[in-house]
Amino acid sequence: MLYFLIAVAVLLLAYAGVLVSYVRKGRKIPPAAYLVLAALNGLILAGVLAWAIVAS
């Protein structure tokens, strides 16, 4: 489970880096990008909650 959380966190950081590069170039962030960010954050939250439930 820990490796899954680390992999999702790395994906989230890489995707955020891509979005920052968009903003620096003066482009607008596409609306679908917010859905991807929400999905990645949701995966991390679900993984942490599942890990906490299993550990207790």
C-alpha atoms as a PDB file:
ATOM      1  CA  MET A   1       0.000   0.000   0.000  1.00  0.00           C
ATOM      2  CA  LEU A   2       2.862   2.320   0.763  1.00  0.00           C
ATOM      3  CA  TYR A   3       4.282   1.928  -2.738  1.00  0.00           C
ATOM      4  CA  PHE A   4       0.876   2.687  -4.243  1.00  0.00           C
ATOM      5  CA  LEU A   5       0.639   5.903  -2.231  1.00  0.00           C
ATOM      6  CA  ILE A   6       4.170   6.906  -3.205  1.00  0.00           C
ATOM      7  CA  ALA A   7       3.442   6.238  -6.883  1.00  0.00           C
ATOM      8  CA  VAL A   8       0.248   8.302  -6.814  1.00  0.00           C
ATOM      9  CA  ALA A   9       2.024  11.121  -4.970  1.00  0.00           C
ATOM     10  CA  VAL A  10       4.782  11.160  -7.605  1.00  0.00           C
ATOM     11  CA  LEU A  11       2.153  11.266 -10.365  1.00  0.00           C
ATOM     12  CA  LEU A  12       0.427  14.140  -8.594  1.00  0.00           C
ATOM     13  CA  LEU A  13       3.675  16.109  -8.285  1.00  0.00           C
ATOM     14  CA  ALA A  14       4.579  15.493 -11.917  1.00  0.00           C
ATOM     15  CA  TYR A  15       1.134  16.566 -13.092  1.00  0.00           C
ATOM     16  CA  ALA A  16       1.277  19.679 -10.932  1.00  0.00           C
ATOM     17  CA  GLY A  17       4.662  20.471 -12.497  1.00  0.00           C
ATOM     18  CA  VAL A  18       3.137  20.234 -15.962  1.00  0.00           C
ATOM     19  CA  LEU A  19       0.346  22.596 -14.941  1.00  0.00           C
ATOM     20  CA  VAL A  20       2.847  25.072 -13.470  1.00  0.00           C
ATOM     21  CA  SER A  21       4.739  25.055 -16.762  1.00  0.00           C
ATOM     22  CA  TYR A  22       1.450  25.842 -18.545  1.00  0.00           C
ATOM     23  CA  VAL A  23       0.881  28.833 -16.304  1.00  0.00           C
ATOM     24  CA  ARG A  24       4.447  30.090 -16.723  1.00  0.00           C
ATOM     25  CA  LYS A  25       4.042  30.015 -20.493  1.00  0.00           C
ATOM     26  CA  GLY A  26       0.901  32.141 -20.177  1.00  0.00           C
ATOM     27  CA  ARG A  27      -1.549  29.422 -21.099  1.00  0.00           C
ATOM     28  CA  LYS A  28      -4.761  28.774 -19.234  1.00  0.00           C
ATOM     29  CA  ILE A  29      -5.212  25.530 -17.355  1.00  0.00           C
ATOM     30  CA  PRO A  30      -7.828  23.348 -19.104  1.00  0.00           C
ATOM     31  CA  PRO A  31     -10.955  22.664 -17.025  1.00  0.00           C
ATOM     32  CA  ALA A  32     -10.389  18.902 -17.250  1.00  0.00           C
ATOM     33  CA  ALA A  33      -7.075  19.357 -15.429  1.00  0.00           C
ATOM     34  CA  TYR A  34      -8.956  20.138 -12.230  1.00  0.00           C
ATOM     35  CA  LEU A  35     -10.799  16.838 -12.506  1.00  0.00           C
ATOM     36  CA  VAL A  36      -7.519  14.950 -12.862  1.00  0.00           C
ATOM     37  CA  LEU A  37      -6.089  16.743  -9.830  1.00  0.00           C
ATOM     38  CA  ALA A  38      -9.215  15.910  -7.840  1.00  0.00           C
ATOM     39  CA  ALA A  39      -9.017  12.259  -8.897  1.00  0.00           C
ATOM     40  CA  LEU A  40      -5.358  11.946  -7.884  1.00  0.00           C
ATOM     41  CA  ASN A  41      -6.043  13.620  -4.547  1.00  0.00           C
ATOM     42  CA  GLY A  42      -9.012  11.311  -4.049  1.00  0.00           C
ATOM     43  CA  LEU A  43      -6.836   8.258  -4.696  1.00  0.00           C
ATOM     44  CA  ILE A  44      -4.341   9.423  -2.098  1.00  0.00           C
ATOM     45  CA  LEU A  45      -7.097  10.115   0.434  1.00  0.00           C
ATOM     46  CA  ALA A  46      -8.770   6.753  -0.192  1.00  0.00           C
ATOM     47  CA  GLY A  47      -5.440   4.955   0.097  1.00  0.00           C
ATOM     48  CA  VAL A  48      -4.544   6.653   3.368  1.00  0.00           C
ATOM     49  CA  LEU A  49      -7.988   5.922   4.815  1.00  0.00           C
ATOM     50  CA  ALA A  50      -7.819   2.282   3.724  1.00  0.00           C
ATOM     51  CA  TRP A  51      -4.324   1.944   5.167  1.00  0.00           C
ATOM     52  CA  ALA A  52      -5.467   3.486   8.460  1.00  0.00           C
ATOM     53  CA  ILE A  53      -8.475   1.147   8.664  1.00  0.00           C
ATOM     54  CA  VAL A  54      -6.352  -1.926   7.980  1.00  0.00           C
ATOM     55  CA  ALA A  55      -3.671  -0.848  10.465  1.00  0.00           C
ATOM     56  CA  SER A  56      -6.130  -0.381  13.327  1.00  0.00           C
END
